[in-house]
Protein backbone atom coordinates (compact mmCIF):
# COMPACT_ATOMS: atom_id res chain seq x y z
CA MET A 1 -11.33 121.36 -137.04
CA VAL A 2 -14.85 121.90 -136.64
CA ASN A 3 -17.78 119.81 -134.59
CA HIS A 4 -20.88 120.08 -136.59
CA THR A 5 -22.90 117.87 -133.96
CA LYS A 6 -21.77 120.38 -131.21
CA LYS A 7 -21.08 123.20 -132.80
CA GLU A 8 -17.67 123.57 -131.82
CA TYR A 9 -14.66 124.42 -133.21
CA ALA A 10 -10.91 123.70 -132.04
CA LYS A 11 -7.80 125.82 -133.46
CA PHE A 12 -4.69 123.33 -133.76
CA TYR A 13 -1.71 125.85 -133.51
CA SER A 14 1.97 124.52 -135.09
CA PHE A 15 4.70 125.45 -132.72
CA PRO A 16 7.61 127.63 -134.90
CA LEU A 17 10.74 125.90 -135.38
CA ASP A 18 12.92 127.97 -132.54
CA GLU A 19 9.95 126.48 -129.61
CA ILE A 20 10.37 122.99 -131.29
CA LYS A 21 13.96 123.13 -130.98
CA LYS A 22 13.81 124.42 -127.30
CA LYS A 23 11.29 121.16 -126.46
CA VAL A 24 13.91 118.77 -127.89
CA ILE A 25 16.84 120.14 -125.91
CA ASP A 26 14.16 120.33 -122.84
CA ARG A 27 13.02 116.49 -123.69
CA LEU A 28 17.19 115.56 -123.81
CA GLN A 29 17.74 117.03 -120.83
CA GLY A 30 14.75 115.26 -119.05
CA ASN A 31 12.96 118.57 -118.02
CA ALA A 32 10.35 118.62 -120.19
CA GLU A 33 6.40 117.72 -120.32
CA TRP A 34 5.13 115.49 -122.69
CA VAL A 35 2.47 117.72 -125.28
CA ILE A 36 0.04 115.67 -126.69
CA ASN A 37 -1.72 116.14 -130.07
CA PRO A 38 -5.60 117.19 -129.22
CA LEU A 39 -7.50 115.09 -132.43
CA PRO A 40 -6.84 111.46 -130.44
CA LEU A 41 -8.26 112.50 -127.31
CA ILE A 42 -10.98 114.88 -127.94
CA THR A 43 -12.11 112.22 -130.18
CA ALA A 44 -10.96 109.13 -128.12
CA LEU A 45 -13.42 106.20 -126.83
CA GLY A 46 -12.74 104.47 -123.35
CA ASN A 47 -10.28 106.28 -121.58
CA GLY A 48 -9.87 105.56 -118.38
CA ARG A 49 -10.01 101.48 -118.64
CA GLY A 50 -6.33 100.89 -118.64
CA GLY A 51 -3.89 100.20 -121.08
CA GLY A 52 -2.19 103.70 -122.55
CA ASP A 53 -4.58 105.96 -120.44
CA TYR A 54 -4.24 109.78 -120.34
CA SER A 55 -4.30 111.18 -117.41
CA GLY A 56 -3.01 114.74 -117.13
CA THR A 57 -4.28 118.35 -117.86
CA ASP A 58 -8.01 118.70 -119.11
CA GLU A 59 -8.30 114.96 -118.58
CA ASP A 60 -12.46 115.77 -118.51
CA LYS A 61 -12.10 116.75 -122.35
CA VAL A 62 -10.99 113.41 -123.58
CA GLY A 63 -13.85 111.97 -125.78
CA ILE A 64 -16.13 114.60 -125.75
CA TRP A 65 -16.08 114.59 -129.68
CA ALA A 66 -16.18 111.08 -129.81
CA ARG A 67 -18.49 109.83 -132.96
CA ASP A 68 -19.39 113.37 -133.69
CA ILE A 69 -19.59 114.89 -137.18
CA LEU A 70 -16.06 116.64 -138.10
CA SER A 71 -14.35 118.49 -140.37
CA VAL A 72 -11.53 121.12 -141.28
CA GLU A 73 -12.46 124.06 -142.12
CA PHE A 74 -10.60 127.53 -143.15
CA GLU A 75 -13.44 130.01 -141.69
CA ILE A 76 -15.23 129.27 -138.06
CA PRO A 77 -18.97 128.95 -139.02
CA ASP A 78 -21.19 131.55 -137.67
CA GLU A 79 -22.24 130.63 -133.43
CA PHE A 80 -19.86 128.08 -133.04
CA LYS A 81 -18.12 128.38 -129.48
CA GLU A 82 -14.49 127.21 -129.55
CA LEU A 83 -13.17 124.45 -127.28
CA LYS A 84 -10.41 125.50 -125.55
CA PHE A 85 -8.05 122.69 -124.00
CA ASN A 86 -4.41 122.12 -122.96
CA PHE A 87 -3.46 118.71 -123.00
CA LYS A 88 0.04 117.53 -121.05
CA GLU A 89 1.14 114.58 -119.74
CA ALA A 90 4.17 115.73 -117.04
């Protein structure tokens, strides 16, 4: 995902099947943490007003791409910086 407004990009990784199975088993046993899809969080408007707000790791990055021009690209544009995040809710 590329943010043309801020000249940043973010990598969205997929989990291998074994990792997904482990997360499901952990969840069923009650000892897993929530892993949140980053796209709705970095484009969110209004976090902190109640009613389902995100609170967890990298909370300060919620909404930083709101209202920016975004696109999905297969190659990273030159001189764009990577935005790193790790949204998890325990």
